[in-house]
Amino acid sequence: MADEVDGLSFQLGGIKASLEMILKTLSEDREASARYRTDIRKEISDTKISIDKVERDVLVAKNDIADIKPKVAAMEQSRQQSVGVSNFIFVVGKFAHLVSAMFGGLLAIVVERWLNAK
């Protein structure tokens, strides 16, 4: 009977050790899970802060673009007007050369007739 009690005590001791190991492992797993959840929450918070910063930057850029668009349109219109004016000035310059050449030729004819008339 003493052998049976010793065997039973040995088995109970093994079960107790196994139960303690299971409880210790369970406790460690719970702590690790809590740390993991805390880390995940921190990462989500950091990501939200980063997204908020990007959202503000996009909003600022959007407002800047909205301010720039009318200015760009006005500059484009001004450039087109400048091109039109430069083309007109070019044509007027060619016409002025033609008129000055005709005036010079007419003056040469008048001077020649005046010199031959004497």
PDB file of N, CA and C in Angstrom:
ATOM      1  N   MET A   1       0.815  -1.180   0.000  1.00  0.00           N
ATOM      2  CA  MET A   1       0.000   0.000   0.000  1.00  0.00           C
ATOM      3  C   MET A   1       0.874   1.265   0.000  1.00  0.00           C
ATOM      4  N   ALA A   2       1.988   1.230   0.656  1.00  0.00           N
ATOM      5  CA  ALA A   2       2.890   2.367   0.695  1.00  0.00           C
ATOM      6  C   ALA A   2       3.418   2.663  -0.702  1.00  0.00           C
ATOM      7  N   ASP A   3       3.618   1.560  -1.486  1.00  0.00           N
ATOM      8  CA  ASP A   3       4.075   1.783  -2.857  1.00  0.00           C
ATOM      9  C   ASP A   3       3.004   2.482  -3.687  1.00  0.00           C
ATOM     10  N   GLU A   4       1.758   2.088  -3.422  1.00  0.00           N
ATOM     11  CA  GLU A   4       0.669   2.731  -4.160  1.00  0.00           C
ATOM     12  C   GLU A   4       0.560   4.199  -3.791  1.00  0.00           C
ATOM     13  N   VAL A   5       0.728   4.527  -2.529  1.00  0.00           N
ATOM     14  CA  VAL A   5       0.662   5.916  -2.067  1.00  0.00           C
ATOM     15  C   VAL A   5       1.824   6.706  -2.654  1.00  0.00           C
ATOM     16  N   ASP A   6       3.013   6.099  -2.661  1.00  0.00           N
ATOM     17  CA  ASP A   6       4.170   6.783  -3.241  1.00  0.00           C
ATOM     18  C   ASP A   6       3.966   7.016  -4.745  1.00  0.00           C
ATOM     19  N   GLY A   7       3.433   6.037  -5.431  1.00  0.00           N
ATOM     20  CA  GLY A   7       3.164   6.169  -6.875  1.00  0.00           C
ATOM     21  C   GLY A   7       2.106   7.215  -7.135  1.00  0.00           C
ATOM     22  N   LEU A   8       1.076   7.189  -6.265  1.00  0.00           N
ATOM     23  CA  LEU A   8       0.004   8.178  -6.404  1.00  0.00           C
ATOM     24  C   LEU A   8       0.534   9.574  -6.098  1.00  0.00           C
ATOM     25  N   SER A   9       1.372   9.692  -5.061  1.00  0.00           N
ATOM     26  CA  SER A   9       1.974  10.981  -4.717  1.00  0.00           C
ATOM     27  C   SER A   9       2.876  11.461  -5.867  1.00  0.00           C
ATOM     28  N   PHE A  10       3.610  10.523  -6.452  1.00  0.00           N
ATOM     29  CA  PHE A  10       4.480  10.870  -7.587  1.00  0.00           C
ATOM     30  C   PHE A  10       3.654  11.379  -8.754  1.00  0.00           C
ATOM     31  N   GLN A  11       2.554  10.706  -9.046  1.00  0.00           N
ATOM     32  CA  GLN A  11       1.688  11.131 -10.150  1.00  0.00           C
ATOM     33  C   GLN A  11       1.052  12.478  -9.845  1.00  0.00           C
ATOM     34  N   LEU A  12       0.587  12.661  -8.596  1.00  0.00           N
ATOM     35  CA  LEU A  12      -0.016  13.949  -8.219  1.00  0.00           C
ATOM     36  C   LEU A  12       1.023  15.074  -8.306  1.00  0.00           C
ATOM     37  N   GLY A  13       2.237  14.757  -7.905  1.00  0.00           N
ATOM     38  CA  GLY A  13       3.317  15.748  -8.014  1.00  0.00           C
ATOM     39  C   GLY A  13       3.568  16.116  -9.464  1.00  0.00           C
ATOM     40  N   GLY A  14       3.527  15.121 -10.348  1.00  0.00           N
ATOM     41  CA  GLY A  14       3.709  15.389 -11.790  1.00  0.00           C
ATOM     42  C   GLY A  14       2.575  16.219 -12.348  1.00  0.00           C
ATOM     43  N   ILE A  15       1.350  15.896 -11.908  1.00  0.00           N
ATOM     44  CA  ILE A  15       0.189  16.667 -12.378  1.00  0.00           C
ATOM     45  C   ILE A  15       0.283  18.098 -11.872  1.00  0.00           C
ATOM     46  N   LYS A  16       0.690  18.244 -10.596  1.00  0.00           N
ATOM     47  CA  LYS A  16       0.828  19.578 -10.027  1.00  0.00           C
ATOM     48  C   LYS A  16       1.883  20.387 -10.791  1.00  0.00           C
ATOM     49  N   ALA A  17       3.004  19.774 -11.086  1.00  0.00           N
ATOM     50  CA  ALA A  17       4.071  20.460 -11.829  1.00  0.00           C
ATOM     51  C   ALA A  17       3.585  20.838 -13.230  1.00  0.00           C
ATOM     52  N   SER A  18       2.858  19.931 -13.853  1.00  0.00           N
ATOM     53  CA  SER A  18       2.316  20.224 -15.189  1.00  0.00           C
ATOM     54  C   SER A  18       1.315  21.374 -15.127  1.00  0.00           C
ATOM     55  N   LEU A  19       0.452  21.345 -14.096  1.00  0.00           N
ATOM     56  CA  LEU A  19      -0.533  22.411 -13.932  1.00  0.00           C
ATOM     57  C   LEU A  19       0.147  23.750 -13.678  1.00  0.00           C
ATOM     58  N   GLU A  20       1.183  23.758 -12.844  1.00  0.00           N
ATOM     59  CA  GLU A  20       1.928  25.002 -12.592  1.00  0.00           C
ATOM     60  C   GLU A  20       2.575  25.508 -13.872  1.00  0.00           C
ATOM     61  N   MET A  21       3.119  24.600 -14.664  1.00  0.00           N
ATOM     62  CA  MET A  21       3.747  24.988 -15.932  1.00  0.00           C
ATOM     63  C   MET A  21       2.705  25.566 -16.885  1.00  0.00           C
ATOM     64  N   ILE A  22       1.530  24.928 -16.923  1.00  0.00           N
ATOM     65  CA  ILE A  22       0.450  25.419 -17.797  1.00  0.00           C
ATOM     66  C   ILE A  22       0.003  26.807 -17.345  1.00  0.00           C
ATOM     67  N   LEU A  23      -0.177  27.005 -16.043  1.00  0.00           N
ATOM     68  CA  LEU A  23      -0.609  28.298 -15.519  1.00  0.00           C
ATOM     69  C   LEU A  23       0.444  29.373 -15.780  1.00  0.00           C
ATOM     70  N   LYS A  24       1.725  28.998 -15.603  1.00  0.00           N
ATOM     71  CA  LYS A  24       2.814  29.955 -15.863  1.00  0.00           C
ATOM     72  C   LYS A  24       2.828  30.343 -17.348  1.00  0.00           C
ATOM     73  N   THR A  25       2.712  29.342 -18.209  1.00  0.00           N
ATOM     74  CA  THR A  25       2.699  29.596 -19.661  1.00  0.00           C
ATOM     75  C   THR A  25       1.489  30.440 -20.041  1.00  0.00           C
ATOM     76  N   LEU A  26       0.350  30.142 -19.462  1.00  0.00           N
ATOM     77  CA  LEU A  26      -0.866  30.903 -19.736  1.00  0.00           C
ATOM     78  C   LEU A  26      -0.697  32.352 -19.297  1.00  0.00           C
ATOM     79  N   SER A  27      -0.114  32.555 -18.126  1.00  0.00           N
ATOM     80  CA  SER A  27       0.124  33.907 -17.626  1.00  0.00           C
ATOM     81  C   SER A  27       1.083  34.660 -18.546  1.00  0.00           C
ATOM     82  N   GLU A  28       2.158  33.999 -18.970  1.00  0.00           N
ATOM     83  CA  GLU A  28       3.123  34.628 -19.881  1.00  0.00           C
ATOM     84  C   GLU A  28       2.460  34.960 -21.220  1.00  0.00           C
ATOM     85  N   ASP A  29       1.617  34.056 -21.707  1.00  0.00           N
ATOM     86  CA  ASP A  29       0.905  34.302 -22.969  1.00  0.00           C
ATOM     87  C   ASP A  29      -0.022  35.510 -22.841  1.00  0.00           C
ATOM     88  N   ARG A  30      -0.704  35.612 -21.687  1.00  0.00           N
ATOM     89  CA  ARG A  30      -1.592  36.759 -21.476  1.00  0.00           C
ATOM     90  C   ARG A  30      -0.800  38.064 -21.445  1.00  0.00           C
ATOM     91  N   GLU A  31       0.337  38.066 -20.768  1.00  0.00           N
ATOM     92  CA  GLU A  31       1.180  39.258 -20.712  1.00  0.00           C
ATOM     93  C   GLU A  31       1.706  39.621 -22.109  1.00  0.00           C
ATOM     94  N   ALA A  32       2.130  38.612 -22.836  1.00  0.00           N
ATOM     95  CA  ALA A  32       2.627  38.862 -24.193  1.00  0.00           C
ATOM     96  C   ALA A  32       1.510  39.405 -25.085  1.00  0.00           C
ATOM     97  N   SER A  33       0.311  38.858 -24.939  1.00  0.00           N
ATOM     98  CA  SER A  33      -0.824  39.345 -25.733  1.00  0.00           C
ATOM     99  C   SER A  33      -1.155  40.783 -25.370  1.00  0.00           C
ATOM    100  N   ALA A  34      -1.104  41.099 -24.081  1.00  0.00           N
ATOM    101  CA  ALA A  34      -1.382  42.478 -23.646  1.00  0.00           C
ATOM    102  C   ALA A  34      -0.337  43.435 -24.210  1.00  0.00           C
ATOM    103  N   ARG A  35       0.957  43.035 -24.159  1.00  0.00           N
ATOM    104  CA  ARG A  35       2.015  43.876 -24.727  1.00  0.00           C
ATOM    105  C   ARG A  35       1.814  44.050 -26.230  1.00  0.00           C
ATOM    106  N   TYR A  36       1.456  42.974 -26.910  1.00  0.00           N
ATOM    107  CA  TYR A  36       1.231  43.018 -28.355  1.00  0.00           C
ATOM    108  C   TYR A  36       0.078  43.973 -28.682  1.00  0.00           C
ATOM    109  N   ARG A  37      -1.032  43.876 -27.935  1.00  0.00           N
ATOM    110  CA  ARG A  37      -2.161  44.771 -28.178  1.00  0.00           C
ATOM    111  C   ARG A  37      -1.766  46.229 -27.926  1.00  0.00           C
ATOM    112  N   THR A  38      -0.976  46.445 -26.872  1.00  0.00           N
ATOM    113  CA  THR A  38      -0.503  47.802 -26.577  1.00  0.00           C
ATOM    114  C   THR A  38       0.368  48.327 -27.719  1.00  0.00           C
ATOM    115  N   ASP A  39       1.264  47.490 -28.208  1.00  0.00           N
ATOM    116  CA  ASP A  39       2.130  47.893 -29.329  1.00  0.00           C
ATOM    117  C   ASP A  39       1.299  48.199 -30.576  1.00  0.00           C
ATOM    118  N   ILE A  40       0.316  47.361 -30.842  1.00  0.00           N
ATOM    119  CA  ILE A  40      -0.534  47.570 -32.019  1.00  0.00           C
ATOM    120  C   ILE A  40      -1.305  48.879 -31.878  1.00  0.00           C
ATOM    121  N   ARG A  41      -1.846  49.134 -30.681  1.00  0.00           N
ATOM    122  CA  ARG A  41      -2.579  50.393 -30.469  1.00  0.00           C
ATOM    123  C   ARG A  41      -1.671  51.593 -30.663  1.00  0.00           C
ATOM    124  N   LYS A  42      -0.429  51.502 -30.192  1.00  0.00           N
ATOM    125  CA  LYS A  42       0.519  52.608 -30.376  1.00  0.00           C
ATOM    126  C   LYS A  42       0.820  52.813 -31.855  1.00  0.00           C
ATOM    127  N   GLU A  43       1.038  51.723 -32.590  1.00  0.00           N
ATOM    128  CA  GLU A  43       1.304  51.837 -34.030  1.00  0.00           C
ATOM    129  C   GLU A  43       0.112  52.440 -34.761  1.00  0.00           C
ATOM    130  N   ILE A  44      -1.093  52.035 -34.371  1.00  0.00           N
ATOM    131  CA  ILE A  44      -2.296  52.599 -35.008  1.00  0.00           C
ATOM    132  C   ILE A  44      -2.384  54.087 -34.704  1.00  0.00           C
ATOM    133  N   SER A  45      -2.077  54.474 -33.476  1.00  0.00           N
ATOM    134  CA  SER A  45      -2.103  55.890 -33.096  1.00  0.00           C
ATOM    135  C   SER A  45      -1.063  56.676 -33.887  1.00  0.00           C
ATOM    136  N   ASP A  46       0.144  56.124 -33.994  1.00  0.00           N
ATOM    137  CA  ASP A  46       1.200  56.790 -34.769  1.00  0.00           C
ATOM    138  C   ASP A  46       0.808  56.913 -36.236  1.00  0.00           C
ATOM    139  N   THR A  47       0.198  55.869 -36.761  1.00  0.00           N
ATOM    140  CA  THR A  47      -0.247  55.898 -38.161  1.00  0.00           C
ATOM    141  C   THR A  47      -1.325  56.948 -38.357  1.00  0.00           C
ATOM    142  N   LYS A  48      -2.231  57.062 -37.400  1.00  0.00           N
ATOM    143  CA  LYS A  48      -3.292  58.072 -37.493  1.00  0.00           C
ATOM    144  C   LYS A  48      -2.686  59.472 -37.485  1.00  0.00           C
ATOM    145  N   ILE A  49      -1.677  59.687 -36.635  1.00  0.00           N
ATOM    146  CA  ILE A  49      -1.012  60.986 -36.593  1.00  0.00           C
ATOM    147  C   ILE A  49      -0.351  61.276 -37.939  1.00  0.00           C
ATOM    148  N   SER A  50       0.306  60.275 -38.522  1.00  0.00           N
ATOM    149  CA  SER A  50       0.949  60.456 -39.834  1.00  0.00           C
ATOM    150  C   SER A  50      -0.085  60.751 -40.913  1.00  0.00           C
ATOM    151  N   ILE A  51      -1.196  60.045 -40.870  1.00  0.00           N
ATOM    152  CA  ILE A  51      -2.248  60.269 -41.864  1.00  0.00           C
ATOM    153  C   ILE A  51      -2.825  61.666 -41.706  1.00  0.00           C
ATOM    154  N   ASP A  52      -3.002  62.128 -40.465  1.00  0.00           N
ATOM    155  CA  ASP A  52      -3.505  63.486 -40.234  1.00  0.00           C
ATOM    156  C   ASP A  52      -2.548  64.522 -40.808  1.00  0.00           C
ATOM    157  N   LYS A  53      -1.235  64.304 -40.635  1.00  0.00           N
ATOM    158  CA  LYS A  53      -0.251  65.237 -41.186  1.00  0.00           C
ATOM    159  C   LYS A  53      -0.327  65.261 -42.709  1.00  0.00           C
ATOM    160  N   VAL A  54      -0.408  64.098 -43.318  1.00  0.00           N
ATOM    161  CA  VAL A  54      -0.501  64.026 -44.780  1.00  0.00           C
ATOM    162  C   VAL A  54      -1.790  64.695 -45.257  1.00  0.00           C
ATOM    163  N   GLU A  55      -2.867  64.480 -44.523  1.00  0.00           N
ATOM    164  CA  GLU A  55      -4.151  65.085 -44.891  1.00  0.00           C
ATOM    165  C   GLU A  55      -4.046  66.609 -44.849  1.00  0.00           C
ATOM    166  N   ARG A  56      -3.381  67.145 -43.824  1.00  0.00           N
ATOM    167  CA  ARG A  56      -3.190  68.603 -43.750  1.00  0.00           C
ATOM    168  C   ARG A  56      -2.329  69.097 -44.905  1.00  0.00           C
ATOM    169  N   ASP A  57      -1.259  68.352 -45.218  1.00  0.00           N
ATOM    170  CA  ASP A  57      -0.391  68.749 -46.326  1.00  0.00           C
ATOM    171  C   ASP A  57      -1.152  68.750 -47.648  1.00  0.00           C
ATOM    172  N   VAL A  58      -1.977  67.741 -47.862  1.00  0.00           N
ATOM    173  CA  VAL A  58      -2.770  67.663 -49.092  1.00  0.00           C
ATOM    174  C   VAL A  58      -3.755  68.819 -49.157  1.00  0.00           C
ATOM    175  N   LEU A  59      -4.369  69.161 -48.029  1.00  0.00           N
ATOM    176  CA  LEU A  59      -5.317  70.275 -47.992  1.00  0.00           C
ATOM    177  C   LEU A  59      -4.617  71.591 -48.312  1.00  0.00           C
ATOM    178  N   VAL A  60      -3.436  71.794 -47.754  1.00  0.00           N
ATOM    179  CA  VAL A  60      -2.664  73.013 -48.039  1.00  0.00           C
ATOM    180  C   VAL A  60      -2.296  73.058 -49.521  1.00  0.00           C
ATOM    181  N   ALA A  61      -1.830  71.927 -50.057  1.00  0.00           N
ATOM    182  CA  ALA A  61      -1.466  71.882 -51.476  1.00  0.00           C
ATOM    183  C   ALA A  61      -2.685  72.147 -52.352  1.00  0.00           C
ATOM    184  N   LYS A  62      -3.822  71.584 -51.983  1.00  0.00           N
ATOM    185  CA  LYS A  62      -5.054  71.788 -52.751  1.00  0.00           C
ATOM    186  C   LYS A  62      -5.440  73.264 -52.754  1.00  0.00           C
ATOM    187  N   ASN A  63      -5.347  73.910 -51.595  1.00  0.00           N
ATOM    188  CA  ASN A  63      -5.670  75.341 -51.522  1.00  0.00           C
ATOM    189  C   ASN A  63      -4.674  76.171 -52.325  1.00  0.00           C
ATOM    190  N   ASP A  64      -3.399  75.813 -52.258  1.00  0.00           N
ATOM    191  CA  ASP A  64      -2.384  76.528 -53.044  1.00  0.00           C
ATOM    192  C   ASP A  64      -2.650  76.382 -54.533  1.00  0.00           C
ATOM    193  N   ILE A  65      -2.991  75.189 -54.964  1.00  0.00           N
ATOM    194  CA  ILE A  65      -3.290  74.961 -56.383  1.00  0.00           C
ATOM    195  C   ILE A  65      -4.507  75.771 -56.798  1.00  0.00           C
ATOM    196  N   ALA A  66      -5.515  75.819 -55.921  1.00  0.00           N
ATOM    197  CA  ALA A  66      -6.709  76.609 -56.233  1.00  0.00           C
ATOM    198  C   ALA A  66      -6.366  78.084 -56.363  1.00  0.00           C
ATOM    199  N   ASP A  67      -5.404  78.568 -55.563  1.00  0.00           N
ATOM    200  CA  ASP A  67      -4.979  79.963 -55.673  1.00  0.00           C
ATOM    201  C   ASP A  67      -4.150  80.203 -56.935  1.00  0.00           C
ATOM    202  N   ILE A  68      -3.381  79.219 -57.340  1.00  0.00           N
ATOM    203  CA  ILE A  68      -2.465  79.379 -58.468  1.00  0.00           C
ATOM    204  C   ILE A  68      -3.186  79.286 -59.814  1.00  0.00           C
ATOM    205  N   LYS A  69      -4.233  78.472 -59.898  1.00  0.00           N
ATOM    206  CA  LYS A  69      -4.917  78.253 -61.179  1.00  0.00           C
ATOM    207  C   LYS A  69      -5.343  79.551 -61.863  1.00  0.00           C
ATOM    208  N   PRO A  70      -6.029  80.480 -61.188  1.00  0.00           N
ATOM    209  CA  PRO A  70      -6.415  81.716 -61.880  1.00  0.00           C
ATOM    210  C   PRO A  70      -5.208  82.540 -62.325  1.00  0.00           C
ATOM    211  N   LYS A  71      -4.148  82.508 -61.511  1.00  0.00           N
ATOM    212  CA  LYS A  71      -2.946  83.264 -61.877  1.00  0.00           C
ATOM    213  C   LYS A  71      -2.299  82.675 -63.127  1.00  0.00           C
ATOM    214  N   VAL A  72      -2.274  81.359 -63.211  1.00  0.00           N
ATOM    215  CA  VAL A  72      -1.703  80.691 -64.384  1.00  0.00           C
ATOM    216  C   VAL A  72      -2.544  81.007 -65.622  1.00  0.00           C
ATOM    217  N   ALA A  73      -3.859  80.990 -65.467  1.00  0.00           N
ATOM    218  CA  ALA A  73      -4.733  81.311 -66.602  1.00  0.00           C
ATOM    219  C   ALA A  73      -4.498  82.749 -67.058  1.00  0.00           C
ATOM    220  N   ALA A  74      -4.343  83.671 -66.101  1.00  0.00           N
ATOM    221  CA  ALA A  74      -4.086  85.076 -66.452  1.00  0.00           C
ATOM    222  C   ALA A  74      -2.727  85.211 -67.136  1.00  0.00           C
ATOM    223  N   MET A  75      -1.731  84.479 -66.645  1.00  0.00           N
ATOM    224  CA  MET A  75      -0.406  84.542 -67.266  1.00  0.00           C
ATOM    225  C   MET A  75      -0.447  83.972 -68.681  1.00  0.00           C
ATOM    226  N   GLU A  76      -1.192  82.907 -68.885  1.00  0.00           N
ATOM    227  CA  GLU A  76      -1.317  82.316 -70.219  1.00  0.00           C
ATOM    228  C   GLU A  76      -1.993  83.297 -71.171  1.00  0.00           C
ATOM    229  N   GLN A  77      -3.031  83.954 -70.684  1.00  0.00           N
ATOM    230  CA  GLN A  77      -3.714  84.950 -71.518  1.00  0.00           C
ATOM    231  C   GLN A  77      -2.771  86.105 -71.839  1.00  0.00           C
ATOM    232  N   SER A  78      -2.008  86.541 -70.851  1.00  0.00           N
ATOM    233  CA  SER A  78      -1.039  87.622 -71.069  1.00  0.00           C
ATOM    234  C   SER A  78       0.030  87.195 -72.079  1.00  0.00           C
ATOM    235  N   ARG A  79       0.484  85.938 -71.986  1.00  0.00           N
ATOM    236  CA  ARG A  79       1.479  85.446 -72.939  1.00  0.00           C
ATOM    237  C   ARG A  79       0.919  85.439 -74.354  1.00  0.00           C
ATOM    238  N   GLN A  80      -0.331  85.006 -74.488  1.00  0.00           N
ATOM    239  CA  GLN A  80      -0.945  84.985 -75.807  1.00  0.00           C
ATOM    240  C   GLN A  80      -1.092  86.397 -76.357  1.00  0.00           C
ATOM    241  N   GLN A  81      -1.435  87.347 -75.494  1.00  0.00           N
ATOM    242  CA  GLN A  81      -1.534  88.738 -75.940  1.00  0.00           C
ATOM    243  C   GLN A  81      -0.164  89.254 -76.361  1.00  0.00           C
ATOM    244  N   SER A  82       0.861  88.896 -75.601  1.00  0.00           N
ATOM    245  CA  SER A  82       2.219  89.332 -75.940  1.00  0.00           C
ATOM    246  C   SER A  82       2.654  88.775 -77.285  1.00  0.00           C
ATOM    247  N   VAL A  83       2.337  87.512 -77.530  1.00  0.00           N
ATOM    248  CA  VAL A  83       2.681  86.903 -78.816  1.00  0.00           C
ATOM    249  C   VAL A  83       1.939  87.631 -79.940  1.00  0.00           C
ATOM    250  N   GLY A  84       0.677  87.931 -79.733  1.00  0.00           N
ATOM    251  CA  GLY A  84      -0.105  88.648 -80.745  1.00  0.00           C
ATOM    252  C   GLY A  84       0.456  90.030 -81.007  1.00  0.00           C
ATOM    253  N   VAL A  85       0.818  90.740 -79.946  1.00  0.00           N
ATOM    254  CA  VAL A  85       1.390  92.085 -80.099  1.00  0.00           C
ATOM    255  C   VAL A  85       2.733  92.007 -80.811  1.00  0.00           C
ATOM    256  N   SER A  86       3.568  91.027 -80.456  1.00  0.00           N
ATOM    257  CA  SER A  86       4.874  90.930 -81.123  1.00  0.00           C
ATOM    258  C   SER A  86       4.705  90.611 -82.608  1.00  0.00           C
ATOM    259  N   ASN A  87       3.739  89.773 -82.954  1.00  0.00           N
ATOM    260  CA  ASN A  87       3.478  89.496 -84.370  1.00  0.00           C
ATOM    261  C   ASN A  87       2.989  90.758 -85.084  1.00  0.00           C
ATOM    262  N   PHE A  88       2.133  91.517 -84.424  1.00  0.00           N
ATOM    263  CA  PHE A  88       1.636  92.763 -85.025  1.00  0.00           C
ATOM    264  C   PHE A  88       2.780  93.757 -85.221  1.00  0.00           C
ATOM    265  N   ILE A  89       3.643  93.888 -84.212  1.00  0.00           N
ATOM    266  CA  ILE A  89       4.790  94.799 -84.316  1.00  0.00           C
ATOM    267  C   ILE A  89       5.714  94.352 -85.440  1.00  0.00           C
ATOM    268  N   PHE A  90       5.890  93.053 -85.611  1.00  0.00           N
ATOM    269  CA  PHE A  90       6.726  92.540 -86.686  1.00  0.00           C
ATOM    270  C   PHE A  90       6.157  92.963 -88.048  1.00  0.00           C
ATOM    271  N   VAL A  91       4.845  92.808 -88.216  1.00  0.00           N
ATOM    272  CA  VAL A  91       4.200  93.189 -89.481  1.00  0.00           C
ATOM    273  C   VAL A  91       4.298  94.693 -89.694  1.00  0.00           C
ATOM    274  N   VAL A  92       4.069  95.472 -88.625  1.00  0.00           N
ATOM    275  CA  VAL A  92       4.164  96.935 -88.735  1.00  0.00           C
ATOM    276  C   VAL A  92       5.589  97.335 -89.088  1.00  0.00           C
ATOM    277  N   GLY A  93       6.578  96.643 -88.508  1.00  0.00           N
ATOM    278  CA  GLY A  93       7.984  96.938 -88.829  1.00  0.00           C
ATOM    279  C   GLY A  93       8.287  96.671 -90.296  1.00  0.00           C
ATOM    280  N   LYS A  94       7.786  95.552 -90.813  1.00  0.00           N
ATOM    281  CA  LYS A  94       7.994  95.256 -92.234  1.00  0.00           C
ATOM    282  C   LYS A  94       7.334  96.335 -93.102  1.00  0.00           C
ATOM    283  N   PHE A  95       6.126  96.746 -92.704  1.00  0.00           N
ATOM    284  CA  PHE A  95       5.421  97.791 -93.453  1.00  0.00           C
ATOM    285  C   PHE A  95       6.199  99.109 -93.386  1.00  0.00           C
ATOM    286  N   ALA A  96       6.770  99.422 -92.202  1.00  0.00           N
ATOM    287  CA  ALA A  96       7.557 100.652 -92.052  1.00  0.00           C
ATOM    288  C   ALA A  96       8.796 100.601 -92.943  1.00  0.00           C
ATOM    289  N   HIS A  97       9.439  99.439 -93.040  1.00  0.00           N
ATOM    290  CA  HIS A  97      10.589  99.312 -93.941  1.00  0.00           C
ATOM    291  C   HIS A  97      10.169  99.556 -95.390  1.00  0.00           C
ATOM    292  N   LEU A  98       9.052  98.989 -95.764  1.00  0.00           N
ATOM    293  CA  LEU A  98       8.548  99.163 -97.113  1.00  0.00           C
ATOM    294  C   LEU A  98       8.246 100.634 -97.398  1.00  0.00           C
ATOM    295  N   VAL A  99       7.592 101.310 -96.446  1.00  0.00           N
ATOM    296  CA  VAL A  99       7.257 102.728 -96.620  1.00  0.00           C
ATOM    297  C   VAL A  99       8.523 103.564 -96.686  1.00  0.00           C
ATOM    298  N   SER A 100       9.513 103.260 -95.819  1.00  0.00           N
ATOM    299  CA  SER A 100      10.751 104.047 -95.835  1.00  0.00           C
ATOM    300  C   SER A 100      11.517 103.817 -97.143  1.00  0.00           C
ATOM    301  N   ALA A 101      11.476 102.593 -97.644  1.00  0.00           N
ATOM    302  CA  ALA A 101      12.137 102.319 -98.923  1.00  0.00           C
ATOM    303  C   ALA A 101      11.436 103.073-100.046  1.00  0.00           C
ATOM    304  N   MET A 102      10.110 103.083-100.033  1.00  0.00           N
ATOM    305  CA  MET A 102       9.370 103.828-101.060  1.00  0.00           C
ATOM    306  C   MET A 102       9.649 105.327-100.946  1.00  0.00           C
ATOM    307  N   PHE A 103       9.697 105.832 -99.716  1.00  0.00           N
ATOM    308  CA  PHE A 103       9.978 107.254 -99.512  1.00  0.00           C
ATOM    309  C   PHE A 103      11.388 107.595 -99.985  1.00  0.00           C
ATOM    310  N   GLY A 104      12.344 106.702 -99.676  1.00  0.00           N
ATOM    311  CA  GLY A 104      13.722 106.930-100.131  1.00  0.00           C
ATOM    312  C   GLY A 104      13.800 106.923-101.653  1.00  0.00           C
ATOM    313  N   GLY A 105      13.097 105.989-102.292  1.00  0.00           N
ATOM    314  CA  GLY A 105      13.092 105.940-103.762  1.00  0.00           C
ATOM    315  C   GLY A 105      12.451 107.176-104.342  1.00  0.00           C
ATOM    316  N   LEU A 106      11.352 107.599-103.765  1.00  0.00           N
ATOM    317  CA  LEU A 106      10.657 108.809-104.232  1.00  0.00           C
ATOM    318  C   LEU A 106      11.553 110.029-104.053  1.00  0.00           C
ATOM    319  N   LEU A 107      12.247 110.094-102.928  1.00  0.00           N
ATOM    320  CA  LEU A 107      13.157 111.212-102.680  1.00  0.00           C
ATOM    321  C   LEU A 107      14.304 111.208-103.695  1.00  0.00           C
ATOM    322  N   ALA A 108      14.795 110.020-104.014  1.00  0.00           N
ATOM    323  CA  ALA A 108      15.876 109.929-104.998  1.00  0.00           C
ATOM    324  C   ALA A 108      15.388 110.410-106.367  1.00  0.00           C
ATOM    325  N   ILE A 109      14.157 110.055-106.725  1.00  0.00           N
ATOM    326  CA  ILE A 109      13.600 110.505-108.011  1.00  0.00           C
ATOM    327  C   ILE A 109      13.425 112.012-108.016  1.00  0.00           C
ATOM    328  N   VAL A 110      12.936 112.569-106.937  1.00  0.00           N
ATOM    329  CA  VAL A 110      12.723 114.021-106.857  1.00  0.00           C
ATOM    330  C   VAL A 110      14.049 114.755-106.940  1.00  0.00           C
ATOM    331  N   VAL A 111      15.064 114.248-106.216  1.00  0.00           N
ATOM    332  CA  VAL A 111      16.376 114.912-106.247  1.00  0.00           C
ATOM    333  C   VAL A 111      16.981 114.809-107.635  1.00  0.00           C
ATOM    334  N   GLU A 112      16.829 113.648-108.271  1.00  0.00           N
ATOM    335  CA  GLU A 112      17.395 113.500-109.613  1.00  0.00           C
ATOM    336  C   GLU A 112      16.723 114.455-110.603  1.00  0.00           C
ATOM    337  N   ARG A 113      15.425 114.598-110.559  1.00  0.00           N
ATOM    338  CA  ARG A 113      14.707 115.517-111.462  1.00  0.00           C
ATOM    339  C   ARG A 113      15.077 116.959-111.163  1.00  0.00           C
ATOM    340  N   TRP A 114      15.287 117.232-109.887  1.00  0.00           N
ATOM    341  CA  TRP A 114      15.644 118.609-109.542  1.00  0.00           C
ATOM    342  C   TRP A 114      17.033 118.946-110.057  1.00  0.00           C
ATOM    343  N   LEU A 115      17.970 117.945-109.952  1.00  0.00           N
ATOM    344  CA  LEU A 115      19.320 118.182-110.455  1.00  0.00           C
ATOM    345  C   LEU A 115      19.351 118.224-111.979  1.00  0.00           C
ATOM    346  N   ASN A 116      18.541 117.438-112.672  1.00  0.00           N
ATOM    347  CA  ASN A 116      18.523 117.422-114.132  1.00  0.00           C
ATOM    348  C   ASN A 116      17.743 118.615-114.683  1.00  0.00           C
ATOM    349  N   ALA A 117      16.916 119.238-113.896  1.00  0.00           N
ATOM    350  CA  ALA A 117      16.123 120.377-114.355  1.00  0.00           C
ATOM    351  C   ALA A 117      17.000 121.606-114.479  1.00  0.00           C
ATOM    352  N   LYS A 118      18.062 121.668-113.895  1.00  0.00           N
ATOM    353  CA  LYS A 118      18.899 122.874-113.930  1.00  0.00           C
ATOM    354  C   LYS A 118      19.797 122.843-115.071  1.00  0.00           C
TER     355      LYS A 118
END
